[in-house]
Amino acid sequence: MTAGATGLASPSKVAEIGAAVSSRIPPGAGDVAAQVLQTAANMAVVGAGEFMDATVRQHGKSPAVAINEMQINIKIQQDSQNDKQKND
């Protein structure tokens, strides 16, 4: 909802150009069309992010993410052990 409100308040240049290019929009309605386009774009981005979060919550992380996190944790542990050995 916040993203939609932001789109209504300040449409981007892309939304303004998209609204101006359309020949179906009556004169003077370009600003309103730009706001509507920006609102839709903002809400689509937020909605996609929320969809991805819900997917991860429901199905867990992908195998690639799990492997990447394991590799990072192993590297952190190795670096920690190396630092400990250097300090001893």
Protein backbone atom coordinates (compact mmCIF):
# COMPACT_ATOMS: atom_id res chain seq x y z
CA MET A 1 0.00 0.00 0.00
CA THR A 2 2.86 2.36 0.82
CA ALA A 3 4.42 1.69 -2.57
CA GLY A 4 1.13 2.46 -4.26
CA ALA A 5 0.75 5.70 -2.33
CA THR A 6 4.28 6.70 -3.29
CA GLY A 7 3.48 6.05 -6.96
CA LEU A 8 0.41 8.26 -6.71
CA ALA A 9 2.36 11.04 -5.05
CA SER A 10 5.35 11.09 -7.40
CA PRO A 11 5.21 9.14 -10.65
CA SER A 12 8.56 8.43 -12.32
CA LYS A 13 9.61 9.88 -15.67
CA VAL A 14 9.06 6.47 -17.29
CA ALA A 15 5.45 6.41 -16.07
CA GLU A 16 4.92 9.98 -17.26
CA ILE A 17 6.33 9.20 -20.71
CA GLY A 18 4.27 6.00 -20.92
CA ALA A 19 1.15 7.94 -20.07
CA ALA A 20 1.94 10.71 -22.57
CA VAL A 21 2.64 8.27 -25.41
CA SER A 22 -0.70 6.54 -25.16
CA SER A 23 -3.10 7.95 -27.72
CA ARG A 24 -6.17 6.77 -25.81
CA ILE A 25 -5.67 9.20 -22.96
CA PRO A 26 -7.66 12.42 -23.29
CA PRO A 27 -5.73 15.70 -23.04
CA GLY A 28 -5.01 16.68 -19.46
CA ALA A 29 -5.28 13.13 -18.13
CA GLY A 30 -1.58 12.35 -18.60
CA ASP A 31 -0.69 13.13 -14.99
CA VAL A 32 -3.40 10.84 -13.67
CA ALA A 33 -2.38 8.05 -16.03
CA ALA A 34 1.27 8.47 -15.01
CA GLN A 35 0.29 8.20 -11.36
CA VAL A 36 -1.74 5.06 -12.03
CA LEU A 37 1.11 3.48 -14.00
CA GLN A 38 3.61 4.30 -11.26
CA THR A 39 1.28 2.95 -8.60
CA ALA A 40 0.93 -0.32 -10.50
CA ALA A 41 4.69 -0.59 -11.00
CA ASN A 42 5.45 0.10 -7.34
CA MET A 43 2.87 -2.39 -6.14
CA ALA A 44 4.14 -5.04 -8.58
CA VAL A 45 7.69 -4.72 -7.24
CA VAL A 46 6.56 -4.93 -3.62
CA GLY A 47 4.17 -7.77 -4.44
CA ALA A 48 6.91 -9.75 -6.17
CA GLY A 49 9.16 -9.34 -3.13
CA GLU A 50 6.42 -10.48 -0.78
CA PHE A 51 5.67 -13.44 -3.04
CA MET A 52 9.32 -14.51 -2.93
CA ASP A 53 9.40 -14.16 0.86
CA ALA A 54 6.27 -16.30 1.15
CA THR A 55 7.75 -18.91 -1.18
CA VAL A 56 10.91 -19.14 0.93
CA ARG A 57 8.84 -19.38 4.12
CA GLN A 58 6.71 -22.17 2.66
CA HIS A 59 9.34 -24.21 0.79
CA GLY A 60 12.59 -23.21 2.45
CA LYS A 61 15.70 -21.90 0.81
CA SER A 62 16.83 -23.15 -2.56
CA PRO A 63 19.68 -25.66 -2.62
CA ALA A 64 21.97 -23.06 -4.18
CA VAL A 65 21.33 -20.63 -1.32
CA ALA A 66 21.87 -23.36 1.28
CA ILE A 67 25.20 -24.39 -0.29
CA ASN A 68 26.30 -20.77 -0.56
CA GLU A 69 25.54 -20.17 3.11
CA MET A 70 27.43 -23.33 4.10
CA GLN A 71 30.46 -22.22 2.07
CA ILE A 72 30.38 -18.80 3.70
CA ASN A 73 30.14 -20.30 7.20
CA ILE A 74 33.01 -22.73 6.48
CA LYS A 75 35.19 -19.86 5.23
CA ILE A 76 34.37 -17.79 8.32
CA GLN A 77 35.32 -20.71 10.57
CA GLN A 78 38.57 -21.32 8.67
CA ASP A 79 39.50 -17.64 8.85
CA SER A 80 38.69 -17.58 12.55
CA GLN A 81 40.91 -20.61 13.18
CA ASN A 82 43.73 -19.10 11.11
CA ASP A 83 43.50 -15.82 13.06
CA LYS A 84 43.51 -17.76 16.35
CA GLN A 85 46.62 -19.70 15.30
CA LYS A 86 48.42 -16.49 14.28
CA ASN A 87 47.66 -14.88 17.63
CA ASP A 88 48.93 -17.88 19.63
